[in-house]
N, C-alpha and C. Protein backbone atom coordinates (compact mmCIF):
# COMPACT_ATOMS: atom_id res chain seq x y z
N UNK A 1 66.57 42.03 118.95
CA UNK A 1 67.00 43.24 118.29
C UNK A 1 67.37 42.90 116.86
N UNK A 2 67.04 43.81 115.95
CA UNK A 2 67.46 43.71 114.56
C UNK A 2 68.36 44.90 114.28
N UNK A 3 69.36 44.64 113.42
CA UNK A 3 70.32 45.69 113.09
C UNK A 3 70.90 45.43 111.72
N UNK A 4 71.45 46.47 111.12
CA UNK A 4 72.20 46.34 109.87
C UNK A 4 73.65 46.63 110.19
N UNK A 5 74.57 45.84 109.60
CA UNK A 5 75.99 46.07 109.81
C UNK A 5 76.71 46.15 108.47
N UNK A 6 77.84 46.86 108.47
CA UNK A 6 78.64 47.03 107.27
C UNK A 6 80.11 46.86 107.66
N UNK A 7 80.84 46.04 106.90
CA UNK A 7 82.23 45.79 107.25
C UNK A 7 83.09 47.02 106.95
N UNK A 8 84.13 47.19 107.77
CA UNK A 8 85.08 48.28 107.55
C UNK A 8 86.43 47.68 107.18
N UNK A 9 87.37 48.54 106.88
CA UNK A 9 88.71 48.09 106.52
C UNK A 9 89.59 47.84 107.75
N UNK A 10 89.04 47.96 108.94
CA UNK A 10 89.81 47.82 110.18
C UNK A 10 89.82 46.38 110.68
N UNK A 11 91.01 45.89 110.99
CA UNK A 11 91.20 44.60 111.64
C UNK A 11 91.89 44.88 112.96
N UNK A 12 91.37 44.31 114.05
CA UNK A 12 91.95 44.54 115.37
C UNK A 12 92.22 43.20 116.06
N UNK A 13 93.12 43.23 117.03
CA UNK A 13 93.35 42.07 117.90
C UNK A 13 92.41 42.20 119.08
N UNK A 14 91.71 41.11 119.40
CA UNK A 14 90.82 41.12 120.55
C UNK A 14 91.16 39.92 121.44
N UNK A 15 90.82 40.06 122.70
CA UNK A 15 91.03 38.99 123.66
C UNK A 15 89.74 38.78 124.43
N UNK A 16 89.24 37.57 124.41
CA UNK A 16 88.00 37.27 125.13
C UNK A 16 88.26 37.34 126.63
N UNK A 17 87.29 37.83 127.36
CA UNK A 17 87.41 37.90 128.81
C UNK A 17 87.62 36.50 129.36
N UNK A 18 88.65 36.33 130.17
CA UNK A 18 88.94 35.03 130.77
C UNK A 18 89.81 34.13 129.93
N UNK A 19 90.25 34.58 128.75
CA UNK A 19 91.10 33.78 127.87
C UNK A 19 92.42 34.51 127.67
N UNK A 20 93.49 33.75 127.49
CA UNK A 20 94.81 34.37 127.36
C UNK A 20 95.19 34.67 125.91
N UNK A 21 94.63 33.97 124.96
CA UNK A 21 95.02 34.14 123.56
C UNK A 21 94.34 35.31 122.88
N UNK A 22 95.02 35.86 121.87
CA UNK A 22 94.47 36.96 121.07
C UNK A 22 93.95 36.38 119.75
N UNK A 23 92.96 37.04 119.19
CA UNK A 23 92.46 36.66 117.87
C UNK A 23 92.16 37.93 117.09
N UNK A 24 92.17 37.83 115.78
CA UNK A 24 91.88 38.97 114.93
C UNK A 24 90.38 39.04 114.68
N UNK A 25 89.87 40.27 114.58
CA UNK A 25 88.46 40.48 114.29
C UNK A 25 88.32 41.68 113.37
N UNK A 26 87.39 41.58 112.44
CA UNK A 26 87.08 42.73 111.59
C UNK A 26 86.11 43.62 112.35
N UNK A 27 86.29 44.93 112.21
CA UNK A 27 85.40 45.90 112.84
C UNK A 27 84.25 46.18 111.88
N UNK A 28 83.04 46.06 112.37
CA UNK A 28 81.84 46.34 111.59
C UNK A 28 81.10 47.50 112.24
N UNK A 29 80.55 48.39 111.42
CA UNK A 29 79.71 49.48 111.90
C UNK A 29 78.27 49.07 111.73
N UNK A 30 77.46 49.37 112.72
CA UNK A 30 76.07 48.97 112.65
C UNK A 30 75.13 50.05 113.15
N UNK A 31 73.86 49.82 112.89
CA UNK A 31 72.80 50.69 113.39
C UNK A 31 71.57 49.80 113.65
N UNK A 32 70.94 50.02 114.80
CA UNK A 32 69.74 49.24 115.13
C UNK A 32 68.54 49.81 114.38
N UNK A 33 67.44 49.08 114.43
CA UNK A 33 66.20 49.56 113.80
C UNK A 33 65.78 50.90 114.39
N UNK A 34 66.12 51.13 115.66
CA UNK A 34 65.76 52.38 116.32
C UNK A 34 66.74 53.52 116.01
N UNK A 35 67.79 53.20 115.24
CA UNK A 35 68.74 54.23 114.84
C UNK A 35 69.94 54.41 115.75
N UNK A 36 70.17 53.47 116.66
CA UNK A 36 71.30 53.56 117.57
C UNK A 36 72.55 52.98 116.90
N UNK A 37 73.61 53.79 116.72
CA UNK A 37 74.83 53.29 116.10
C UNK A 37 75.64 52.42 117.08
N UNK A 38 76.32 51.41 116.56
CA UNK A 38 77.17 50.56 117.40
C UNK A 38 78.31 50.01 116.56
N UNK A 39 79.27 49.44 117.26
CA UNK A 39 80.42 48.79 116.63
C UNK A 39 80.41 47.33 117.01
N UNK A 40 80.71 46.44 116.06
CA UNK A 40 80.81 45.01 116.33
C UNK A 40 82.19 44.54 115.92
N UNK A 41 82.77 43.66 116.72
CA UNK A 41 84.09 43.09 116.45
C UNK A 41 83.86 41.62 116.16
N UNK A 42 83.95 41.25 114.88
CA UNK A 42 83.53 39.91 114.46
C UNK A 42 84.74 39.13 113.94
N UNK A 43 85.10 38.05 114.64
CA UNK A 43 86.27 37.27 114.20
C UNK A 43 85.97 36.28 113.07
N UNK A 44 84.69 35.92 112.87
CA UNK A 44 84.39 34.91 111.86
C UNK A 44 82.95 35.04 111.37
N UNK A 45 82.75 34.82 110.09
CA UNK A 45 81.41 34.69 109.52
C UNK A 45 81.43 33.47 108.62
N UNK A 46 80.29 32.82 108.47
CA UNK A 46 80.25 31.66 107.59
C UNK A 46 78.87 31.49 106.99
N UNK A 47 78.85 30.80 105.88
CA UNK A 47 77.61 30.45 105.18
C UNK A 47 77.43 28.95 105.32
N UNK A 48 76.20 28.51 105.47
CA UNK A 48 75.95 27.07 105.56
C UNK A 48 76.59 26.36 104.38
N UNK A 49 77.23 25.24 104.63
CA UNK A 49 77.99 24.55 103.58
C UNK A 49 77.12 24.09 102.42
N UNK A 50 75.83 23.90 102.64
CA UNK A 50 74.93 23.45 101.57
C UNK A 50 74.53 24.60 100.64
N UNK A 51 74.77 25.84 101.06
CA UNK A 51 74.37 26.99 100.27
C UNK A 51 75.48 27.44 99.33
N UNK A 52 75.09 28.08 98.22
CA UNK A 52 76.06 28.65 97.29
C UNK A 52 76.57 29.95 97.90
N UNK A 53 77.84 30.01 98.21
CA UNK A 53 78.36 31.18 98.91
C UNK A 53 79.20 32.09 98.01
N UNK A 54 79.17 31.91 96.70
CA UNK A 54 80.00 32.69 95.78
C UNK A 54 79.71 34.19 95.90
N UNK A 55 78.44 34.58 95.90
CA UNK A 55 78.10 36.00 96.00
C UNK A 55 78.49 36.54 97.38
N UNK A 56 78.25 35.75 98.42
CA UNK A 56 78.62 36.16 99.77
C UNK A 56 80.13 36.41 99.85
N UNK A 57 80.92 35.51 99.28
CA UNK A 57 82.38 35.67 99.28
C UNK A 57 82.81 36.94 98.56
N UNK A 58 82.18 37.25 97.43
CA UNK A 58 82.50 38.48 96.69
C UNK A 58 82.15 39.71 97.53
N UNK A 59 80.96 39.71 98.11
CA UNK A 59 80.53 40.85 98.92
C UNK A 59 81.41 41.05 100.15
N UNK A 60 81.91 39.96 100.69
CA UNK A 60 82.73 40.02 101.88
C UNK A 60 84.06 40.73 101.63
N UNK A 61 84.47 40.84 100.38
CA UNK A 61 85.72 41.52 100.04
C UNK A 61 85.57 43.05 99.99
N UNK A 62 84.34 43.55 100.04
CA UNK A 62 84.09 44.99 99.99
C UNK A 62 84.08 45.56 101.40
N UNK A 63 84.91 46.59 101.61
CA UNK A 63 85.00 47.20 102.94
C UNK A 63 85.01 48.71 102.80
N UNK A 64 84.38 49.39 103.74
CA UNK A 64 84.42 50.84 103.77
C UNK A 64 85.45 51.28 104.80
N UNK A 65 85.88 52.53 104.69
CA UNK A 65 86.79 53.09 105.69
C UNK A 65 85.99 53.31 106.97
N UNK A 66 86.56 52.90 108.08
CA UNK A 66 85.88 53.05 109.37
C UNK A 66 85.75 54.52 109.74
N UNK A 67 84.62 54.88 110.31
CA UNK A 67 84.41 56.25 110.78
C UNK A 67 85.31 56.51 111.99
N UNK A 68 85.61 57.77 112.25
CA UNK A 68 86.52 58.12 113.33
C UNK A 68 86.05 57.60 114.69
N UNK A 69 84.74 57.68 114.96
CA UNK A 69 84.25 57.24 116.27
C UNK A 69 84.45 55.75 116.49
N UNK A 70 84.54 54.99 115.40
CA UNK A 70 84.72 53.54 115.50
C UNK A 70 86.12 53.20 115.98
N UNK A 71 87.08 54.06 115.70
CA UNK A 71 88.47 53.76 116.01
C UNK A 71 88.85 54.11 117.45
N UNK A 72 87.91 54.58 118.25
CA UNK A 72 88.18 54.84 119.66
C UNK A 72 88.31 53.53 120.43
N UNK A 73 88.76 53.63 121.65
CA UNK A 73 88.92 52.44 122.50
C UNK A 73 87.58 51.74 122.70
N UNK A 74 87.63 50.45 122.92
CA UNK A 74 86.43 49.66 123.17
C UNK A 74 85.84 50.05 124.52
N UNK A 75 84.56 50.31 124.56
CA UNK A 75 83.86 50.62 125.79
C UNK A 75 83.58 49.29 126.50
N UNK A 76 84.27 49.02 127.60
CA UNK A 76 84.16 47.72 128.25
C UNK A 76 82.80 47.45 128.87
N UNK A 77 81.90 48.44 128.93
CA UNK A 77 80.54 48.18 129.37
C UNK A 77 79.84 47.26 128.38
N UNK A 78 80.32 47.23 127.14
CA UNK A 78 79.64 46.48 126.08
C UNK A 78 80.26 45.10 125.85
N UNK A 79 81.30 44.74 126.59
CA UNK A 79 81.96 43.45 126.42
C UNK A 79 81.12 42.38 127.09
N UNK A 80 80.81 41.32 126.35
CA UNK A 80 80.00 40.23 126.91
C UNK A 80 80.85 39.25 127.68
């Protein structure tokens, strides 16, 4: 699957299934090539250390306001 995602201003606490600790994740809004909207909860992103990441770091600071549907409870059918 291919998709486009955009970071939002929302940070949430998430807990992996089977783990006791909580971690923070940024909420990202996405859409697949077929046009299906989805939400992703991403705790970390990184650029290969050999690459120049200055532009990536600048872009990572830009966030949009999350849409209302994104702020609903997590649908546990989608938890891996």
